[in-house]
Amino acid sequence: MAEPTTHVEVPAEGHHAEPSIAGFATAPFVVAFAMTLVIVLLIWKKVPGAIGKSLDKKIDAIREQLAEAESLRKDAEALKAEYEAKAQAAGEEAQAMLARAKTDAEAIVAKAEVDAKALVERRQAMAEAKIAAEERAAVDELRARTARAATAAAAKLIAEQSDAKSDKALVDQAIAGL
């Protein structure tokens, strides 16, 4: 026996039955009704005002932060200008100190040159004086030796050439000259 075949209709693509509640409320209607209900409930509970107040508070807080940031920026710019002025003054002071140091160094070098020349002149004068003293001492020593040698030679000559008679004549002549 042949079994009875059941025939199932498959709806064509793109065409299907829309679900509904009580036959008149379709899905788009239910969604629209629910949204309307939510919006009415939000207005009744004053949610937009609360959201506005919350946003106003946040806006005020942001404004305060911006004002504080502006104040901090101005303070930072003032500090930056102050430190730039201090740095410039320090640079100028360093240049002035460098110029003073160069001037002082030049003065010290000039004084050292003068002192060195004076020292050389003093030492040269001392050396010349010492040489002159040594020359005088040498001349005096030479004269003394010459005088001693002349005296000794004269005494020897006189002793060789003189006798008692000539000595008496010389003594008499010296006495008469006095």
C-alpha atoms as a PDB file:
ATOM      1  CA  MET A   1       0.000   0.000   0.000  1.00  0.00           C
ATOM      2  CA  ALA A   2       0.966   3.300  -0.672  1.00  0.00           C
ATOM      3  CA  GLU A   3       1.249   5.722   2.032  1.00  0.00           C
ATOM      4  CA  PRO A   4      -0.559   8.919   1.733  1.00  0.00           C
ATOM      5  CA  THR A   5       1.723  11.771   0.961  1.00  0.00           C
ATOM      6  CA  THR A   6       1.276  14.999   2.689  1.00  0.00           C
ATOM      7  CA  HIS A   7       1.822  18.071   0.830  1.00  0.00           C
ATOM      8  CA  VAL A   8       3.520  20.928   2.641  1.00  0.00           C
ATOM      9  CA  GLU A   9       3.437  24.306   1.110  1.00  0.00           C
ATOM     10  CA  VAL A  10       6.582  26.263   1.400  1.00  0.00           C
ATOM     11  CA  PRO A  11       5.951  29.957   1.213  1.00  0.00           C
ATOM     12  CA  ALA A  12       7.678  31.650  -1.614  1.00  0.00           C
ATOM     13  CA  GLU A  13      10.743  33.530  -0.869  1.00  0.00           C
ATOM     14  CA  GLY A  14      10.078  37.079   0.217  1.00  0.00           C
ATOM     15  CA  HIS A  15       6.510  36.367   1.240  1.00  0.00           C
ATOM     16  CA  HIS A  16       5.795  35.206   4.756  1.00  0.00           C
ATOM     17  CA  ALA A  17       3.204  35.898   7.357  1.00  0.00           C
ATOM     18  CA  GLU A  18       3.850  38.708   9.821  1.00  0.00           C
ATOM     19  CA  PRO A  19       3.402  37.953  13.487  1.00  0.00           C
ATOM     20  CA  SER A  20       0.729  39.986  15.245  1.00  0.00           C
ATOM     21  CA  ILE A  21      -0.852  40.401  18.652  1.00  0.00           C
ATOM     22  CA  ALA A  22      -4.609  40.092  18.699  1.00  0.00           C
ATOM     23  CA  GLY A  23      -4.586  40.394  14.982  1.00  0.00           C
ATOM     24  CA  PHE A  24      -4.002  44.127  14.776  1.00  0.00           C
ATOM     25  CA  ALA A  25      -0.647  44.777  16.497  1.00  0.00           C
ATOM     26  CA  THR A  26       2.167  44.006  14.140  1.00  0.00           C
ATOM     27  CA  ALA A  27       5.851  44.094  15.088  1.00  0.00           C
ATOM     28  CA  PRO A  28       6.491  47.652  13.817  1.00  0.00           C
ATOM     29  CA  PHE A  29       3.443  48.867  15.713  1.00  0.00           C
ATOM     30  CA  VAL A  30       4.626  47.221  18.931  1.00  0.00           C
ATOM     31  CA  VAL A  31       8.096  48.761  18.570  1.00  0.00           C
ATOM     32  CA  ALA A  32       6.631  52.218  17.894  1.00  0.00           C
ATOM     33  CA  PHE A  33       4.263  51.903  20.846  1.00  0.00           C
ATOM     34  CA  ALA A  34       7.091  50.791  23.171  1.00  0.00           C
ATOM     35  CA  MET A  35       9.306  53.689  22.059  1.00  0.00           C
ATOM     36  CA  THR A  36       6.464  56.153  22.608  1.00  0.00           C
ATOM     37  CA  LEU A  37       5.871  54.696  26.047  1.00  0.00           C
ATOM     38  CA  VAL A  38       9.593  54.972  26.936  1.00  0.00           C
ATOM     39  CA  ILE A  39       9.757  58.584  25.698  1.00  0.00           C
ATOM     40  CA  VAL A  40       6.617  59.532  27.670  1.00  0.00           C
ATOM     41  CA  LEU A  41       8.023  57.839  30.761  1.00  0.00           C
ATOM     42  CA  LEU A  42      11.355  59.698  30.381  1.00  0.00           C
ATOM     43  CA  ILE A  43       9.563  63.046  30.029  1.00  0.00           C
ATOM     44  CA  TRP A  44       7.284  62.285  32.979  1.00  0.00           C
ATOM     45  CA  LYS A  45      10.291  61.456  35.195  1.00  0.00           C
ATOM     46  CA  LYS A  46      12.041  64.688  33.977  1.00  0.00           C
ATOM     47  CA  VAL A  47      15.030  62.808  32.623  1.00  0.00           C
ATOM     48  CA  PRO A  48      15.844  65.418  29.935  1.00  0.00           C
ATOM     49  CA  GLY A  49      16.072  68.108  32.648  1.00  0.00           C
ATOM     50  CA  ALA A  50      18.291  65.858  34.766  1.00  0.00           C
ATOM     51  CA  ILE A  51      20.461  65.133  31.750  1.00  0.00           C
ATOM     52  CA  GLY A  52      20.595  68.889  31.004  1.00  0.00           C
ATOM     53  CA  LYS A  53      21.577  69.667  34.606  1.00  0.00           C
ATOM     54  CA  SER A  54      24.225  66.955  34.509  1.00  0.00           C
ATOM     55  CA  LEU A  55      25.595  68.257  31.234  1.00  0.00           C
ATOM     56  CA  ASP A  56      25.529  71.839  32.601  1.00  0.00           C
ATOM     57  CA  LYS A  57      27.519  70.677  35.629  1.00  0.00           C
ATOM     58  CA  LYS A  58      30.031  68.949  33.368  1.00  0.00           C
ATOM     59  CA  ILE A  59      30.229  72.053  31.150  1.00  0.00           C
ATOM     60  CA  ASP A  60      30.842  74.242  34.221  1.00  0.00           C
ATOM     61  CA  ALA A  61      33.518  71.827  35.467  1.00  0.00           C
ATOM     62  CA  ILE A  62      35.180  71.876  32.040  1.00  0.00           C
ATOM     63  CA  ARG A  63      35.026  75.700  31.993  1.00  0.00           C
ATOM     64  CA  GLU A  64      36.643  75.810  35.428  1.00  0.00           C
ATOM     65  CA  GLN A  65      39.352  73.432  34.243  1.00  0.00           C
ATOM     66  CA  LEU A  66      39.909  75.557  31.133  1.00  0.00           C
ATOM     67  CA  ALA A  67      40.113  78.722  33.270  1.00  0.00           C
ATOM     68  CA  GLU A  68      42.551  76.997  35.614  1.00  0.00           C
ATOM     69  CA  ALA A  69      44.590  75.764  32.663  1.00  0.00           C
ATOM     70  CA  GLU A  70      44.653  79.292  31.212  1.00  0.00           C
ATOM     71  CA  SER A  71      45.783  80.651  34.575  1.00  0.00           C
ATOM     72  CA  LEU A  72      48.495  77.991  34.800  1.00  0.00           C
ATOM     73  CA  ARG A  73      49.592  78.773  31.242  1.00  0.00           C
ATOM     74  CA  LYS A  74      49.868  82.479  32.087  1.00  0.00           C
ATOM     75  CA  ASP A  75      51.826  81.659  35.244  1.00  0.00           C
ATOM     76  CA  ALA A  76      54.115  79.375  33.245  1.00  0.00           C
ATOM     77  CA  GLU A  77      54.672  82.082  30.615  1.00  0.00           C
ATOM     78  CA  ALA A  78      55.467  84.603  33.364  1.00  0.00           C
ATOM     79  CA  LEU A  79      57.949  82.174  34.943  1.00  0.00           C
ATOM     80  CA  LYS A  80      59.461  81.463  31.548  1.00  0.00           C
ATOM     81  CA  ALA A  81      59.881  85.191  30.860  1.00  0.00           C
ATOM     82  CA  GLU A  82      61.369  85.700  34.324  1.00  0.00           C
ATOM     83  CA  TYR A  83      63.885  82.880  33.858  1.00  0.00           C
ATOM     84  CA  GLU A  84      64.749  84.052  30.355  1.00  0.00           C
ATOM     85  CA  ALA A  85      65.445  87.516  31.788  1.00  0.00           C
ATOM     86  CA  LYS A  86      67.551  85.968  34.548  1.00  0.00           C
ATOM     87  CA  ALA A  87      69.441  83.843  32.016  1.00  0.00           C
ATOM     88  CA  GLN A  88      70.082  86.895  29.821  1.00  0.00           C
ATOM     89  CA  ALA A  89      71.249  88.894  32.849  1.00  0.00           C
ATOM     90  CA  ALA A  90      73.511  86.012  33.865  1.00  0.00           C
ATOM     91  CA  GLY A  91      74.932  85.887  30.341  1.00  0.00           C
ATOM     92  CA  GLU A  92      75.587  89.624  30.372  1.00  0.00           C
ATOM     93  CA  GLU A  93      77.163  89.359  33.823  1.00  0.00           C
ATOM     94  CA  ALA A  94      79.362  86.493  32.611  1.00  0.00           C
ATOM     95  CA  GLN A  95      80.492  88.595  29.645  1.00  0.00           C
ATOM     96  CA  ALA A  96      81.223  91.525  31.964  1.00  0.00           C
ATOM     97  CA  MET A  97      83.201  89.232  34.274  1.00  0.00           C
ATOM     98  CA  LEU A  98      85.120  87.897  31.280  1.00  0.00           C
ATOM     99  CA  ALA A  99      85.916  91.433  30.111  1.00  0.00           C
ATOM    100  CA  ARG A 100      87.066  92.386  33.642  1.00  0.00           C
ATOM    101  CA  ALA A 101      89.197  89.247  33.817  1.00  0.00           C
ATOM    102  CA  LYS A 102      90.817  90.060  30.468  1.00  0.00           C
ATOM    103  CA  THR A 103      91.506  93.621  31.604  1.00  0.00           C
ATOM    104  CA  ASP A 104      92.936  92.383  34.902  1.00  0.00           C
ATOM    105  CA  ALA A 105      95.068  89.813  33.097  1.00  0.00           C
ATOM    106  CA  GLU A 106      96.427  92.455  30.713  1.00  0.00           C
ATOM    107  CA  ALA A 107      97.224  94.722  33.687  1.00  0.00           C
ATOM    108  CA  ILE A 108      98.978  91.860  35.477  1.00  0.00           C
ATOM    109  CA  VAL A 109     100.999  91.019  32.349  1.00  0.00           C
ATOM    110  CA  ALA A 110     101.978  94.683  31.887  1.00  0.00           C
ATOM    111  CA  LYS A 111     102.995  94.968  35.569  1.00  0.00           C
ATOM    112  CA  ALA A 112     104.959  91.720  35.306  1.00  0.00           C
ATOM    113  CA  GLU A 113     106.798  93.057  32.240  1.00  0.00           C
ATOM    114  CA  VAL A 114     107.655  96.284  34.089  1.00  0.00           C
ATOM    115  CA  ASP A 115     108.723  94.331  37.178  1.00  0.00           C
ATOM    116  CA  ALA A 116     110.816  91.953  35.064  1.00  0.00           C
ATOM    117  CA  LYS A 117     112.541  94.856  33.305  1.00  0.00           C
ATOM    118  CA  ALA A 118     113.215  96.528  36.660  1.00  0.00           C
ATOM    119  CA  LEU A 119     114.547  93.256  38.084  1.00  0.00           C
ATOM    120  CA  VAL A 120     116.813  92.758  35.061  1.00  0.00           C
ATOM    121  CA  GLU A 121     118.073  96.343  35.373  1.00  0.00           C
ATOM    122  CA  ARG A 122     118.708  95.924  39.128  1.00  0.00           C
ATOM    123  CA  ARG A 123     120.528  92.643  38.601  1.00  0.00           C
ATOM    124  CA  GLN A 124     122.512  94.114  35.733  1.00  0.00           C
ATOM    125  CA  ALA A 125     123.463  97.100  37.917  1.00  0.00           C
ATOM    126  CA  MET A 126     124.392  94.757  40.766  1.00  0.00           C
ATOM    127  CA  ALA A 127     126.485  92.640  38.399  1.00  0.00           C
ATOM    128  CA  GLU A 128     128.190  95.720  36.974  1.00  0.00           C
ATOM    129  CA  ALA A 129     128.840  97.007  40.497  1.00  0.00           C
ATOM    130  CA  LYS A 130     130.250  93.632  41.519  1.00  0.00           C
ATOM    131  CA  ILE A 131     132.454  93.523  38.399  1.00  0.00           C
ATOM    132  CA  ALA A 132     133.661  97.072  39.100  1.00  0.00           C
ATOM    133  CA  ALA A 133     134.403  96.144  42.737  1.00  0.00           C
ATOM    134  CA  GLU A 134     136.279  93.049  41.600  1.00  0.00           C
ATOM    135  CA  GLU A 135     138.232  95.176  39.080  1.00  0.00           C
ATOM    136  CA  ARG A 136     139.111  97.708  41.799  1.00  0.00           C
ATOM    137  CA  ALA A 137     140.123  94.890  44.154  1.00  0.00           C
ATOM    138  CA  ALA A 138     142.245  93.328  41.407  1.00  0.00           C
ATOM    139  CA  VAL A 139     143.845  96.720  40.563  1.00  0.00           C
ATOM    140  CA  ASP A 140     144.471  97.405  44.263  1.00  0.00           C
ATOM    141  CA  GLU A 141     145.984  93.929  44.708  1.00  0.00           C
ATOM    142  CA  LEU A 142     148.118  94.462  41.602  1.00  0.00           C
ATOM    143  CA  ARG A 143     149.299  97.874  42.899  1.00  0.00           C
ATOM    144  CA  ALA A 144     150.074  96.386  46.301  1.00  0.00           C
ATOM    145  CA  ARG A 145     152.085  93.584  44.720  1.00  0.00           C
ATOM    146  CA  THR A 146     153.805  96.043  42.411  1.00  0.00           C
ATOM    147  CA  ALA A 147     154.625  98.310  45.361  1.00  0.00           C
ATOM    148  CA  ARG A 148     155.977  95.388  47.380  1.00  0.00           C
ATOM    149  CA  ALA A 149     157.998  94.175  44.410  1.00  0.00           C
ATOM    150  CA  ALA A 150     159.295  97.715  43.767  1.00  0.00           C
ATOM    151  CA  THR A 151     160.132  98.160  47.429  1.00  0.00           C
ATOM    152  CA  ALA A 152     161.922  94.854  47.539  1.00  0.00           C
ATOM    153  CA  ALA A 153     163.777  95.663  44.307  1.00  0.00           C
ATOM    154  CA  ALA A 154     164.663  99.136  45.544  1.00  0.00           C
ATOM    155  CA  ALA A 155     165.832  97.764  48.852  1.00  0.00           C
ATOM    156  CA  LYS A 156     167.922  95.212  47.056  1.00  0.00           C
ATOM    157  CA  LEU A 157     169.401  97.829  44.718  1.00  0.00           C
ATOM    158  CA  ILE A 158     170.065 100.198  47.538  1.00  0.00           C
ATOM    159  CA  ALA A 159     171.599  97.461  49.583  1.00  0.00           C
ATOM    160  CA  GLU A 160     173.820  96.484  46.691  1.00  0.00           C
ATOM    161  CA  GLN A 161     174.840  99.982  45.764  1.00  0.00           C
ATOM    162  CA  SER A 162     175.060 101.649  49.050  1.00  0.00           C
ATOM    163  CA  ASP A 163     177.503 101.451  51.760  1.00  0.00           C
ATOM    164  CA  ALA A 164     177.760 103.251  55.090  1.00  0.00           C
ATOM    165  CA  LYS A 165     179.170 106.401  53.580  1.00  0.00           C
ATOM    166  CA  SER A 166     176.470 106.815  50.988  1.00  0.00           C
ATOM    167  CA  ASP A 167     173.863 106.008  53.607  1.00  0.00           C
ATOM    168  CA  LYS A 168     175.121 108.843  55.782  1.00  0.00           C
ATOM    169  CA  ALA A 169     175.012 111.258  52.850  1.00  0.00           C
ATOM    170  CA  LEU A 170     171.483 110.236  51.987  1.00  0.00           C
ATOM    171  CA  VAL A 171     170.326 110.617  55.593  1.00  0.00           C
ATOM    172  CA  ASP A 172     171.957 114.050  55.796  1.00  0.00           C
ATOM    173  CA  GLN A 173     170.348 115.080  52.537  1.00  0.00           C
ATOM    174  CA  ALA A 174     166.913 113.899  53.737  1.00  0.00           C
ATOM    175  CA  ILE A 175     167.320 115.817  56.998  1.00  0.00           C
ATOM    176  CA  ALA A 176     168.355 118.959  55.151  1.00  0.00           C
ATOM    177  CA  GLY A 177     165.290 118.601  52.905  1.00  0.00           C
ATOM    178  CA  LEU A 178     163.069 118.639  55.908  1.00  0.00           C
END
